[in-house]
Amino acid sequence: MTKQRKQTRYETEKLLMVFDRHTDRHIGGLANLTADGAMFVTQEPVDIPSTAHCRVELPDKILDHDELIFDAECVWCRKNATRGWYESGYRLKNVSEQDRNILTYVMLKLMSEQQATQKA
């Protein structure tokens, strides 16, 4: 499978918890981010396509906020056989300008940059 990521991916050293912002149900952990996408790890497989209404708890206040809000459309899901969990890829949607600024801060200050894979 050819990787089609065009943007730098930022990985967390410690998973940030993701919750459904309407029900407070735990969705999973935020494993990595790009400017337009994310990967979550979950205990159960995720339907494709499906949309999650996300609230991510931040470890510290960023721009006077302690959470990040966005919608995410699941575009792929696979089981990590080694670790026993599921990994799912999302396209970020409906991100406000303020949450986009928080997202940028999280990527640049709280996550480790991974080399981007360019579309072949």
PDB file of N, CA and C in Angstrom:
ATOM      1  N   MET A   1       0.844  -1.178   0.000  1.00  0.00           N
ATOM      2  CA  MET A   1       0.000   0.000   0.000  1.00  0.00           C
ATOM      3  C   MET A   1       0.887   1.239   0.000  1.00  0.00           C
ATOM      4  N   THR A   2       0.657   2.156  -0.914  1.00  0.00           N
ATOM      5  CA  THR A   2       1.434   3.384  -1.012  1.00  0.00           C
ATOM      6  C   THR A   2       0.902   4.410  -0.027  1.00  0.00           C
ATOM      7  N   LYS A   3       1.793   4.990   0.748  1.00  0.00           N
ATOM      8  CA  LYS A   3       1.402   6.049   1.669  1.00  0.00           C
ATOM      9  C   LYS A   3       1.131   7.310   0.858  1.00  0.00           C
ATOM     10  N   GLN A   4       0.049   8.029   1.199  1.00  0.00           N
ATOM     11  CA  GLN A   4      -0.305   9.222   0.457  1.00  0.00           C
ATOM     12  C   GLN A   4      -0.219  10.474   1.312  1.00  0.00           C
ATOM     13  N   ARG A   5       0.384  10.371   2.485  1.00  0.00           N
ATOM     14  CA  ARG A   5       0.487  11.511   3.381  1.00  0.00           C
ATOM     15  C   ARG A   5       1.372  12.573   2.754  1.00  0.00           C
ATOM     16  N   LYS A   6       0.899  13.791   2.700  1.00  0.00           N
ATOM     17  CA  LYS A   6       1.656  14.894   2.121  1.00  0.00           C
ATOM     18  C   LYS A   6       2.166  15.844   3.200  1.00  0.00           C
ATOM     19  N   GLN A   7       1.688  15.688   4.426  1.00  0.00           N
ATOM     20  CA  GLN A   7       2.028  16.611   5.502  1.00  0.00           C
ATOM     21  C   GLN A   7       2.838  15.902   6.572  1.00  0.00           C
ATOM     22  N   THR A   8       3.560  16.711   7.333  1.00  0.00           N
ATOM     23  CA  THR A   8       4.322  16.160   8.440  1.00  0.00           C
ATOM     24  C   THR A   8       3.370  15.584   9.469  1.00  0.00           C
ATOM     25  N   ARG A   9       3.727  14.412   9.965  1.00  0.00           N
ATOM     26  CA  ARG A   9       2.946  13.743  10.994  1.00  0.00           C
ATOM     27  C   ARG A   9       3.642  13.975  12.329  1.00  0.00           C
ATOM     28  N   TYR A  10       2.868  14.273  13.362  1.00  0.00           N
ATOM     29  CA  TYR A  10       3.386  14.491  14.706  1.00  0.00           C
ATOM     30  C   TYR A  10       2.824  13.410  15.607  1.00  0.00           C
ATOM     31  N   GLU A  11       3.701  12.690  16.309  1.00  0.00           N
ATOM     32  CA  GLU A  11       3.277  11.589  17.167  1.00  0.00           C
ATOM     33  C   GLU A  11       3.366  11.972  18.636  1.00  0.00           C
ATOM     34  N   THR A  12       2.437  11.424  19.407  1.00  0.00           N
ATOM     35  CA  THR A  12       2.430  11.681  20.841  1.00  0.00           C
ATOM     36  C   THR A  12       3.368  10.724  21.544  1.00  0.00           C
ATOM     37  N   GLU A  13       3.980  11.190  22.610  1.00  0.00           N
ATOM     38  CA  GLU A  13       4.755  10.293  23.464  1.00  0.00           C
ATOM     39  C   GLU A  13       3.815   9.610  24.440  1.00  0.00           C
ATOM     40  N   LYS A  14       2.756  10.293  24.813  1.00  0.00           N
ATOM     41  CA  LYS A  14       1.707   9.743  25.675  1.00  0.00           C
ATOM     42  C   LYS A  14       0.382  10.045  24.991  1.00  0.00           C
ATOM     43  N   LEU A  15      -0.458   9.022  24.839  1.00  0.00           N
ATOM     44  CA  LEU A  15      -1.731   9.212  24.148  1.00  0.00           C
ATOM     45  C   LEU A  15      -2.573  10.279  24.832  1.00  0.00           C
ATOM     46  N   LEU A  16      -3.167  11.150  24.032  1.00  0.00           N
ATOM     47  CA  LEU A  16      -4.142  12.112  24.527  1.00  0.00           C
ATOM     48  C   LEU A  16      -5.514  11.464  24.399  1.00  0.00           C
ATOM     49  N   MET A  17      -6.328  11.518  25.445  1.00  0.00           N
ATOM     50  CA  MET A  17      -7.614  10.847  25.457  1.00  0.00           C
ATOM     51  C   MET A  17      -8.639  11.608  24.619  1.00  0.00           C
ATOM     52  N   VAL A  18      -9.391  10.850  23.811  1.00  0.00           N
ATOM     53  CA  VAL A  18     -10.420  11.404  22.934  1.00  0.00           C
ATOM     54  C   VAL A  18     -11.775  10.907  23.414  1.00  0.00           C
ATOM     55  N   PHE A  19     -12.716  11.842  23.561  1.00  0.00           N
ATOM     56  CA  PHE A  19     -14.067  11.535  24.015  1.00  0.00           C
ATOM     57  C   PHE A  19     -15.073  12.059  23.005  1.00  0.00           C
ATOM     58  N   ASP A  20     -16.252  11.422  22.961  1.00  0.00           N
ATOM     59  CA  ASP A  20     -17.364  11.968  22.184  1.00  0.00           C
ATOM     60  C   ASP A  20     -17.843  13.203  22.942  1.00  0.00           C
ATOM     61  N   ARG A  21     -17.865  14.333  22.294  1.00  0.00           N
ATOM     62  CA  ARG A  21     -18.185  15.573  23.007  1.00  0.00           C
ATOM     63  C   ARG A  21     -19.666  15.692  23.371  1.00  0.00           C
ATOM     64  N   HIS A  22     -20.524  14.851  22.789  1.00  0.00           N
ATOM     65  CA  HIS A  22     -21.949  14.898  23.118  1.00  0.00           C
ATOM     66  C   HIS A  22     -22.311  13.925  24.247  1.00  0.00           C
ATOM     67  N   THR A  23     -21.624  12.789  24.306  1.00  0.00           N
ATOM     68  CA  THR A  23     -21.986  11.755  25.290  1.00  0.00           C
ATOM     69  C   THR A  23     -20.918  11.537  26.357  1.00  0.00           C
ATOM     70  N   ASP A  24     -19.725  12.103  26.160  1.00  0.00           N
ATOM     71  CA  ASP A  24     -18.566  11.893  27.030  1.00  0.00           C
ATOM     72  C   ASP A  24     -18.058  10.454  27.015  1.00  0.00           C
ATOM     73  N   ARG A  25     -18.512   9.650  26.048  1.00  0.00           N
ATOM     74  CA  ARG A  25     -18.023   8.272  25.902  1.00  0.00           C
ATOM     75  C   ARG A  25     -16.581   8.320  25.418  1.00  0.00           C
ATOM     76  N   HIS A  26     -15.719   7.506  26.047  1.00  0.00           N
ATOM     77  CA  HIS A  26     -14.315   7.429  25.643  1.00  0.00           C
ATOM     78  C   HIS A  26     -14.243   6.777  24.263  1.00  0.00           C
ATOM     79  N   ILE A  27     -13.621   7.463  23.297  1.00  0.00           N
ATOM     80  CA  ILE A  27     -13.468   6.938  21.944  1.00  0.00           C
ATOM     81  C   ILE A  27     -12.159   6.176  21.830  1.00  0.00           C
ATOM     82  N   GLY A  28     -11.081   6.769  22.320  1.00  0.00           N
ATOM     83  CA  GLY A  28      -9.771   6.136  22.210  1.00  0.00           C
ATOM     84  C   GLY A  28      -8.677   7.120  22.550  1.00  0.00           C
ATOM     85  N   GLY A  29      -7.493   6.834  22.036  1.00  0.00           N
ATOM     86  CA  GLY A  29      -6.351   7.709  22.276  1.00  0.00           C
ATOM     87  C   GLY A  29      -5.864   8.317  20.982  1.00  0.00           C
ATOM     88  N   LEU A  30      -5.487   9.573  21.036  1.00  0.00           N
ATOM     89  CA  LEU A  30      -4.933  10.275  19.878  1.00  0.00           C
ATOM     90  C   LEU A  30      -3.461   9.907  19.782  1.00  0.00           C
ATOM     91  N   ALA A  31      -3.095   9.208  18.718  1.00  0.00           N
ATOM     92  CA  ALA A  31      -1.722   8.721  18.561  1.00  0.00           C
ATOM     93  C   ALA A  31      -0.864   9.665  17.734  1.00  0.00           C
ATOM     94  N   ASN A  32      -1.450  10.244  16.664  1.00  0.00           N
ATOM     95  CA  ASN A  32      -0.691  11.204  15.879  1.00  0.00           C
ATOM     96  C   ASN A  32      -1.614  12.159  15.147  1.00  0.00           C
ATOM     97  N   LEU A  33      -1.025  13.264  14.678  1.00  0.00           N
ATOM     98  CA  LEU A  33      -1.769  14.340  14.014  1.00  0.00           C
ATOM     99  C   LEU A  33      -1.010  14.851  12.812  1.00  0.00           C
ATOM    100  N   THR A  34      -1.765  15.333  11.834  1.00  0.00           N
ATOM    101  CA  THR A  34      -1.248  16.219  10.801  1.00  0.00           C
ATOM    102  C   THR A  34      -2.164  17.433  10.841  1.00  0.00           C
ATOM    103  N   ALA A  35      -1.943  18.393   9.981  1.00  0.00           N
ATOM    104  CA  ALA A  35      -2.805  19.566   9.956  1.00  0.00           C
ATOM    105  C   ALA A  35      -4.246  19.202   9.587  1.00  0.00           C
ATOM    106  N   ASP A  36      -4.429  18.110   8.844  1.00  0.00           N
ATOM    107  CA  ASP A  36      -5.762  17.751   8.364  1.00  0.00           C
ATOM    108  C   ASP A  36      -6.248  16.381   8.802  1.00  0.00           C
ATOM    109  N   GLY A  37      -5.448  15.652   9.583  1.00  0.00           N
ATOM    110  CA  GLY A  37      -5.845  14.298   9.922  1.00  0.00           C
ATOM    111  C   GLY A  37      -5.288  13.840  11.254  1.00  0.00           C
ATOM    112  N   ALA A  38      -5.738  12.653  11.666  1.00  0.00           N
ATOM    113  CA  ALA A  38      -5.313  12.096  12.947  1.00  0.00           C
ATOM    114  C   ALA A  38      -5.399  10.580  12.888  1.00  0.00           C
ATOM    115  N   MET A  39      -4.663   9.944  13.792  1.00  0.00           N
ATOM    116  CA  MET A  39      -4.810   8.515  13.995  1.00  0.00           C
ATOM    117  C   MET A  39      -5.170   8.287  15.462  1.00  0.00           C
ATOM    118  N   PHE A  40      -6.231   7.510  15.677  1.00  0.00           N
ATOM    119  CA  PHE A  40      -6.646   7.131  17.016  1.00  0.00           C
ATOM    120  C   PHE A  40      -6.332   5.650  17.203  1.00  0.00           C
ATOM    121  N   VAL A  41      -6.096   5.258  18.443  1.00  0.00           N
ATOM    122  CA  VAL A  41      -6.050   3.848  18.802  1.00  0.00           C
ATOM    123  C   VAL A  41      -7.280   3.571  19.664  1.00  0.00           C
ATOM    124  N   THR A  42      -7.939   2.445  19.376  1.00  0.00           N
ATOM    125  CA  THR A  42      -9.189   2.103  20.038  1.00  0.00           C
ATOM    126  C   THR A  42      -9.195   0.626  20.406  1.00  0.00           C
ATOM    127  N   GLN A  43     -10.076   0.269  21.317  1.00  0.00           N
ATOM    128  CA  GLN A  43     -10.227  -1.132  21.720  1.00  0.00           C
ATOM    129  C   GLN A  43     -11.074  -1.916  20.715  1.00  0.00           C
ATOM    130  N   GLU A  44     -11.957  -1.234  20.011  1.00  0.00           N
ATOM    131  CA  GLU A  44     -12.884  -1.866  19.070  1.00  0.00           C
ATOM    132  C   GLU A  44     -12.666  -1.287  17.675  1.00  0.00           C
ATOM    133  N   PRO A  45     -13.037  -2.032  16.623  1.00  0.00           N
ATOM    134  CA  PRO A  45     -12.919  -1.480  15.265  1.00  0.00           C
ATOM    135  C   PRO A  45     -13.891  -0.322  15.073  1.00  0.00           C
ATOM    136  N   VAL A  46     -13.563   0.554  14.136  1.00  0.00           N
ATOM    137  CA  VAL A  46     -14.376   1.734  13.846  1.00  0.00           C
ATOM    138  C   VAL A  46     -15.001   1.554  12.461  1.00  0.00           C
ATOM    139  N   ASP A  47     -16.285   1.886  12.335  1.00  0.00           N
ATOM    140  CA  ASP A  47     -16.969   1.798  11.047  1.00  0.00           C
ATOM    141  C   ASP A  47     -16.407   2.816  10.067  1.00  0.00           C
ATOM    142  N   ILE A  48     -16.341   2.402   8.800  1.00  0.00           N
ATOM    143  CA  ILE A  48     -15.888   3.281   7.725  1.00  0.00           C
ATOM    144  C   ILE A  48     -17.022   3.378   6.718  1.00  0.00           C
ATOM    145  N   PRO A  49     -17.470   4.553   6.342  1.00  0.00           N
ATOM    146  CA  PRO A  49     -17.139   5.830   6.953  1.00  0.00           C
ATOM    147  C   PRO A  49     -18.011   6.061   8.189  1.00  0.00           C
ATOM    148  N   SER A  50     -17.499   6.802   9.108  1.00  0.00           N
ATOM    149  CA  SER A  50     -18.265   7.263  10.264  1.00  0.00           C
ATOM    150  C   SER A  50     -17.639   8.568  10.736  1.00  0.00           C
ATOM    151  N   THR A  51     -18.426   9.364  11.425  1.00  0.00           N
ATOM    152  CA  THR A  51     -17.936  10.648  11.926  1.00  0.00           C
ATOM    153  C   THR A  51     -17.973  10.650  13.445  1.00  0.00           C
ATOM    154  N   ALA A  52     -16.860  11.039  14.044  1.00  0.00           N
ATOM    155  CA  ALA A  52     -16.764  11.171  15.494  1.00  0.00           C
ATOM    156  C   ALA A  52     -16.787  12.658  15.844  1.00  0.00           C
ATOM    157  N   HIS A  53     -17.510  13.008  16.876  1.00  0.00           N
ATOM    158  CA  HIS A  53     -17.590  14.380  17.372  1.00  0.00           C
ATOM    159  C   HIS A  53     -16.672  14.447  18.589  1.00  0.00           C
ATOM    160  N   CYS A  54     -15.460  14.923  18.379  1.00  0.00           N
ATOM    161  CA  CYS A  54     -14.362  14.715  19.322  1.00  0.00           C
ATOM    162  C   CYS A  54     -14.111  15.875  20.277  1.00  0.00           C
ATOM    163  N   ARG A  55     -13.713  15.457  21.471  1.00  0.00           N
ATOM    164  CA  ARG A  55     -13.194  16.363  22.493  1.00  0.00           C
ATOM    165  C   ARG A  55     -11.921  15.706  23.013  1.00  0.00           C
ATOM    166  N   VAL A  56     -10.797  16.381  22.839  1.00  0.00           N
ATOM    167  CA  VAL A  56      -9.511  15.859  23.293  1.00  0.00           C
ATOM    168  C   VAL A  56      -9.092  16.636  24.526  1.00  0.00           C
ATOM    169  N   GLU A  57      -8.825  15.919  25.608  1.00  0.00           N
ATOM    170  CA  GLU A  57      -8.348  16.562  26.831  1.00  0.00           C
ATOM    171  C   GLU A  57      -6.876  16.912  26.673  1.00  0.00           C
ATOM    172  N   LEU A  58      -6.549  18.180  26.893  1.00  0.00           N
ATOM    173  CA  LEU A  58      -5.171  18.644  26.783  1.00  0.00           C
ATOM    174  C   LEU A  58      -4.467  18.517  28.131  1.00  0.00           C
ATOM    175  N   PRO A  59      -3.166  18.213  28.123  1.00  0.00           N
ATOM    176  CA  PRO A  59      -2.444  18.043  29.386  1.00  0.00           C
ATOM    177  C   PRO A  59      -2.293  19.345  30.169  1.00  0.00           C
ATOM    178  N   ASP A  60      -2.290  20.464  29.481  1.00  0.00           N
ATOM    179  CA  ASP A  60      -2.200  21.799  30.085  1.00  0.00           C
ATOM    180  C   ASP A  60      -3.081  22.742  29.289  1.00  0.00           C
ATOM    181  N   LYS A  61      -3.442  23.877  29.911  1.00  0.00           N
ATOM    182  CA  LYS A  61      -4.219  24.872  29.178  1.00  0.00           C
ATOM    183  C   LYS A  61      -3.397  25.403  28.015  1.00  0.00           C
ATOM    184  N   ILE A  62      -4.036  25.504  26.863  1.00  0.00           N
ATOM    185  CA  ILE A  62      -3.418  26.068  25.663  1.00  0.00           C
ATOM    186  C   ILE A  62      -4.361  27.137  25.146  1.00  0.00           C
ATOM    187  N   LEU A  63      -3.844  28.354  25.011  1.00  0.00           N
ATOM    188  CA  LEU A  63      -4.660  29.493  24.582  1.00  0.00           C
ATOM    189  C   LEU A  63      -5.931  29.591  25.415  1.00  0.00           C
ATOM    190  N   ASP A  64      -5.784  29.378  26.722  1.00  0.00           N
ATOM    191  CA  ASP A  64      -6.879  29.444  27.693  1.00  0.00           C
ATOM    192  C   ASP A  64      -7.921  28.335  27.555  1.00  0.00           C
ATOM    193  N   HIS A  65      -7.586  27.244  26.895  1.00  0.00           N
ATOM    194  CA  HIS A  65      -8.506  26.115  26.738  1.00  0.00           C
ATOM    195  C   HIS A  65      -7.848  24.840  27.247  1.00  0.00           C
ATOM    196  N   ASP A  66      -8.662  23.943  27.815  1.00  0.00           N
ATOM    197  CA  ASP A  66      -8.123  22.675  28.297  1.00  0.00           C
ATOM    198  C   ASP A  66      -8.594  21.493  27.464  1.00  0.00           C
ATOM    199  N   GLU A  67      -9.236  21.791  26.321  1.00  0.00           N
ATOM    200  CA  GLU A  67      -9.664  20.746  25.416  1.00  0.00           C
ATOM    201  C   GLU A  67      -9.639  21.248  23.975  1.00  0.00           C
ATOM    202  N   LEU A  68      -9.603  20.298  23.061  1.00  0.00           N
ATOM    203  CA  LEU A  68      -9.581  20.563  21.627  1.00  0.00           C
ATOM    204  C   LEU A  68     -10.851  19.937  21.061  1.00  0.00           C
ATOM    205  N   ILE A  69     -11.595  20.685  20.240  1.00  0.00           N
ATOM    206  CA  ILE A  69     -12.881  20.235  19.709  1.00  0.00           C
ATOM    207  C   ILE A  69     -12.801  20.162  18.185  1.00  0.00           C
ATOM    208  N   PHE A  70     -13.269  19.039  17.619  1.00  0.00           N
ATOM    209  CA  PHE A  70     -13.352  18.902  16.167  1.00  0.00           C
ATOM    210  C   PHE A  70     -14.190  17.680  15.829  1.00  0.00           C
ATOM    211  N   ASP A  71     -14.593  17.587  14.577  1.00  0.00           N
ATOM    212  CA  ASP A  71     -15.218  16.380  14.053  1.00  0.00           C
ATOM    213  C   ASP A  71     -14.153  15.643  13.263  1.00  0.00           C
ATOM    214  N   ALA A  72     -14.280  14.326  13.194  1.00  0.00           N
ATOM    215  CA  ALA A  72     -13.302  13.520  12.471  1.00  0.00           C
ATOM    216  C   ALA A  72     -14.032  12.411  11.722  1.00  0.00           C
ATOM    217  N   GLU A  73     -13.758  12.314  10.426  1.00  0.00           N
ATOM    218  CA  GLU A  73     -14.355  11.277   9.587  1.00  0.00           C
ATOM    219  C   GLU A  73     -13.373  10.118   9.448  1.00  0.00           C
ATOM    220  N   CYS A  74     -13.788   8.939   9.871  1.00  0.00           N
ATOM    221  CA  CYS A  74     -12.921   7.762   9.779  1.00  0.00           C
ATOM    222  C   CYS A  74     -12.827   7.325   8.315  1.00  0.00           C
ATOM    223  N   VAL A  75     -11.584   7.192   7.827  1.00  0.00           N
ATOM    224  CA  VAL A  75     -11.365   6.801   6.439  1.00  0.00           C
ATOM    225  C   VAL A  75     -10.662   5.446   6.317  1.00  0.00           C
ATOM    226  N   TRP A  76     -10.111   4.919   7.424  1.00  0.00           N
ATOM    227  CA  TRP A  76      -9.539   3.573   7.424  1.00  0.00           C
ATOM    228  C   TRP A  76      -9.435   3.073   8.860  1.00  0.00           C
ATOM    229  N   CYS A  77      -9.405   1.751   8.990  1.00  0.00           N
ATOM    230  CA  CYS A  77      -9.256   1.119  10.305  1.00  0.00           C
ATOM    231  C   CYS A  77      -8.596  -0.236  10.096  1.00  0.00           C
ATOM    232  N   ARG A  78      -7.637  -0.559  10.965  1.00  0.00           N
ATOM    233  CA  ARG A  78      -6.957  -1.863  10.888  1.00  0.00           C
ATOM    234  C   ARG A  78      -6.578  -2.300  12.303  1.00  0.00           C
ATOM    235  N   LYS A  79      -6.468  -3.619  12.462  1.00  0.00           N
ATOM    236  CA  LYS A  79      -6.062  -4.151  13.760  1.00  0.00           C
ATOM    237  C   LYS A  79      -4.542  -4.201  13.820  1.00  0.00           C
ATOM    238  N   ASN A  80      -3.979  -3.735  14.928  1.00  0.00           N
ATOM    239  CA  ASN A  80      -2.553  -3.873  15.177  1.00  0.00           C
ATOM    240  C   ASN A  80      -2.392  -5.206  15.898  1.00  0.00           C
ATOM    241  N   ALA A  81      -2.015  -6.233  15.137  1.00  0.00           N
ATOM    242  CA  ALA A  81      -1.947  -7.588  15.684  1.00  0.00           C
ATOM    243  C   ALA A  81      -0.922  -7.708  16.802  1.00  0.00           C
ATOM    244  N   THR A  82       0.140  -6.929  16.729  1.00  0.00           N
ATOM    245  CA  THR A  82       1.185  -6.984  17.745  1.00  0.00           C
ATOM    246  C   THR A  82       0.688  -6.448  19.086  1.00  0.00           C
ATOM    247  N   ARG A  83      -0.043  -5.373  19.046  1.00  0.00           N
ATOM    248  CA  ARG A  83      -0.462  -4.709  20.289  1.00  0.00           C
ATOM    249  C   ARG A  83      -1.886  -5.039  20.712  1.00  0.00           C
ATOM    250  N   GLY A  84      -2.672  -5.599  19.792  1.00  0.00           N
ATOM    251  CA  GLY A  84      -4.023  -6.016  20.142  1.00  0.00           C
ATOM    252  C   GLY A  84      -5.072  -4.923  20.106  1.00  0.00           C
ATOM    253  N   TRP A  85      -4.743  -3.754  19.623  1.00  0.00           N
ATOM    254  CA  TRP A  85      -5.735  -2.686  19.518  1.00  0.00           C
ATOM    255  C   TRP A  85      -5.971  -2.367  18.058  1.00  0.00           C
ATOM    256  N   TYR A  86      -6.906  -1.453  17.813  1.00  0.00           N
ATOM    257  CA  TYR A  86      -7.206  -1.007  16.458  1.00  0.00           C
ATOM    258  C   TYR A  86      -6.631   0.382  16.250  1.00  0.00           C
ATOM    259  N   GLU A  87      -6.158   0.629  15.049  1.00  0.00           N
ATOM    260  CA  GLU A  87      -5.681   1.947  14.637  1.00  0.00           C
ATOM    261  C   GLU A  87      -6.630   2.429  13.556  1.00  0.00           C
ATOM    262  N   SER A  88      -7.048   3.684  13.651  1.00  0.00           N
ATOM    263  CA  SER A  88      -7.975   4.214  12.657  1.00  0.00           C
ATOM    264  C   SER A  88      -7.534   5.615  12.248  1.00  0.00           C
ATOM    265  N   GLY A  89      -7.653   5.879  10.955  1.00  0.00           N
ATOM    266  CA  GLY A  89      -7.254   7.165  10.399  1.00  0.00           C
ATOM    267  C   GLY A  89      -8.462   8.040  10.135  1.00  0.00           C
ATOM    268  N   TYR A  90      -8.310   9.320  10.441  1.00  0.00           N
ATOM    269  CA  TYR A  90      -9.415  10.268  10.352  1.00  0.00           C
ATOM    270  C   TYR A  90      -9.026  11.511   9.566  1.00  0.00           C
ATOM    271  N   ARG A  91     -10.000  12.050   8.859  1.00  0.00           N
ATOM    272  CA  ARG A  91      -9.887  13.357   8.215  1.00  0.00           C
ATOM    273  C   ARG A  91     -10.594  14.348   9.133  1.00  0.00           C
ATOM    274  N   LEU A  92      -9.879  15.398   9.562  1.00  0.00           N
ATOM    275  CA  LEU A  92     -10.467  16.386  10.471  1.00  0.00           C
ATOM    276  C   LEU A  92     -11.447  17.271   9.721  1.00  0.00           C
ATOM    277  N   LYS A  93     -12.562  17.571  10.387  1.00  0.00           N
ATOM    278  CA  LYS A  93     -13.613  18.400   9.799  1.00  0.00           C
ATOM    279  C   LYS A  93     -14.123  19.368  10.854  1.00  0.00           C
ATOM    280  N   ASN A  94     -14.686  20.463  10.391  1.00  0.00           N
ATOM    281  CA  ASN A  94     -15.354  21.425  11.272  1.00  0.00           C
ATOM    282  C   ASN A  94     -14.467  21.862  12.435  1.00  0.00           C
ATOM    283  N   VAL A  95     -13.237  22.247  12.121  1.00  0.00           N
ATOM    284  CA  VAL A  95     -12.300  22.728  13.135  1.00  0.00           C
ATOM    285  C   VAL A  95     -12.370  24.252  13.128  1.00  0.00           C
ATOM    286  N   SER A  96     -12.750  24.842  14.257  1.00  0.00           N
ATOM    287  CA  SER A  96     -12.841  26.302  14.337  1.00  0.00           C
ATOM    288  C   SER A  96     -11.441  26.911  14.216  1.00  0.00           C
ATOM    289  N   GLU A  97     -11.383  28.184  13.940  1.00  0.00           N
ATOM    290  CA  GLU A  97     -10.082  28.862  13.837  1.00  0.00           C
ATOM    291  C   GLU A  97      -9.314  28.760  15.156  1.00  0.00           C
ATOM    292  N   GLN A  98     -10.004  28.934  16.262  1.00  0.00           N
ATOM    293  CA  GLN A  98      -9.345  28.837  17.567  1.00  0.00           C
ATOM    294  C   GLN A  98      -8.824  27.415  17.813  1.00  0.00           C
ATOM    295  N   ASP A  99      -9.638  26.410  17.513  1.00  0.00           N
ATOM    296  CA  ASP A  99      -9.184  25.033  17.699  1.00  0.00           C
ATOM    297  C   ASP A  99      -8.079  24.682  16.707  1.00  0.00           C
ATOM    298  N   ARG A 100      -8.084  25.273  15.519  1.00  0.00           N
ATOM    299  CA  ARG A 100      -6.987  25.071  14.569  1.00  0.00           C
ATOM    300  C   ARG A 100      -5.682  25.613  15.161  1.00  0.00           C
ATOM    301  N   ASN A 101      -5.748  26.764  15.836  1.00  0.00           N
ATOM    302  CA  ASN A 101      -4.564  27.321  16.498  1.00  0.00           C
ATOM    303  C   ASN A 101      -4.080  26.407  17.630  1.00  0.00           C
ATOM    304  N   ILE A 102      -5.013  25.857  18.399  1.00  0.00           N
ATOM    305  CA  ILE A 102      -4.653  24.920  19.469  1.00  0.00           C
ATOM    306  C   ILE A 102      -4.041  23.664  18.862  1.00  0.00           C
ATOM    307  N   LEU A 103      -4.639  23.174  17.791  1.00  0.00           N
ATOM    308  CA  LEU A 103      -4.124  21.991  17.095  1.00  0.00           C
ATOM    309  C   LEU A 103      -2.681  22.217  16.633  1.00  0.00           C
ATOM    310  N   THR A 104      -2.413  23.367  16.066  1.00  0.00           N
ATOM    311  CA  THR A 104      -1.055  23.698  15.623  1.00  0.00           C
ATOM    312  C   THR A 104      -0.099  23.721  16.805  1.00  0.00           C
ATOM    313  N   TYR A 105      -0.511  24.329  17.896  1.00  0.00           N
ATOM    314  CA  TYR A 105       0.328  24.378  19.098  1.00  0.00           C
ATOM    315  C   TYR A 105       0.619  22.963  19.603  1.00  0.00           C
ATOM    316  N   VAL A 106      -0.424  22.132  19.665  1.00  0.00           N
ATOM    317  CA  VAL A 106      -0.252  20.752  20.132  1.00  0.00           C
ATOM    318  C   VAL A 106       0.768  20.032  19.256  1.00  0.00           C
ATOM    319  N   MET A 107       0.650  20.170  17.940  1.00  0.00           N
ATOM    320  CA  MET A 107       1.581  19.484  17.042  1.00  0.00           C
ATOM    321  C   MET A 107       3.008  19.976  17.236  1.00  0.00           C
ATOM    322  N   LEU A 108       3.185  21.275  17.316  1.00  0.00           N
ATOM    323  CA  LEU A 108       4.537  21.834  17.352  1.00  0.00           C
ATOM    324  C   LEU A 108       5.198  21.770  18.721  1.00  0.00           C
ATOM    325  N   LYS A 109       4.417  21.826  19.787  1.00  0.00           N
ATOM    326  CA  LYS A 109       4.995  21.904  21.131  1.00  0.00           C
ATOM    327  C   LYS A 109       4.883  20.612  21.941  1.00  0.00           C
ATOM    328  N   LEU A 110       3.873  19.793  21.695  1.00  0.00           N
ATOM    329  CA  LEU A 110       3.641  18.631  22.541  1.00  0.00           C
ATOM    330  C   LEU A 110       3.932  17.301  21.869  1.00  0.00           C
ATOM    331  N   MET A 111       4.222  17.330  20.569  1.00  0.00           N
ATOM    332  CA  MET A 111       4.393  16.079  19.849  1.00  0.00           C
ATOM    333  C   MET A 111       5.748  16.026  19.157  1.00  0.00           C
ATOM    334  N   SER A 112       6.184  14.810  18.846  1.00  0.00           N
ATOM    335  CA  SER A 112       7.442  14.607  18.141  1.00  0.00           C
ATOM    336  C   SER A 112       7.174  14.537  16.648  1.00  0.00           C
ATOM    337  N   GLU A 113       7.955  15.288  15.885  1.00  0.00           N
ATOM    338  CA  GLU A 113       7.791  15.303  14.437  1.00  0.00           C
ATOM    339  C   GLU A 113       8.328  14.014  13.833  1.00  0.00           C
ATOM    340  N   GLN A 114       7.541  13.430  12.961  1.00  0.00           N
ATOM    341  CA  GLN A 114       7.954  12.243  12.215  1.00  0.00           C
ATOM    342  C   GLN A 114       8.111  12.645  10.755  1.00  0.00           C
ATOM    343  N   GLN A 115       9.049  12.036  10.062  1.00  0.00           N
ATOM    344  CA  GLN A 115       9.281  12.386   8.673  1.00  0.00           C
ATOM    345  C   GLN A 115       8.042  12.064   7.859  1.00  0.00           C
ATOM    346  N   ALA A 116       7.642  13.022   7.042  1.00  0.00           N
ATOM    347  CA  ALA A 116       6.478  12.834   6.190  1.00  0.00           C
ATOM    348  C   ALA A 116       6.823  11.917   5.029  1.00  0.00           C
ATOM    349  N   THR A 117       5.853  11.134   4.610  1.00  0.00           N
ATOM    350  CA  THR A 117       6.019  10.309   3.426  1.00  0.00           C
ATOM    351  C   THR A 117       5.282  10.998   2.298  1.00  0.00           C
ATOM    352  N   GLN A 118       5.969  11.280   1.237  1.00  0.00           N
ATOM    353  CA  GLN A 118       5.371  11.986   0.122  1.00  0.00           C
ATOM    354  C   GLN A 118       4.647  11.015  -0.796  1.00  0.00           C
ATOM    355  N   LYS A 119       3.606  11.512  -1.452  1.00  0.00           N
ATOM    356  CA  LYS A 119       2.849  10.719  -2.401  1.00  0.00           C
ATOM    357  C   LYS A 119       3.765  10.328  -3.559  1.00  0.00           C
ATOM    358  N   ALA A 120       3.750   9.063  -3.909  1.00  0.00           N
ATOM    359  CA  ALA A 120       4.633   8.571  -4.972  1.00  0.00           C
ATOM    360  C   ALA A 120       4.090   8.888  -6.341  1.00  0.00           C
TER     361      ALA A 120
END
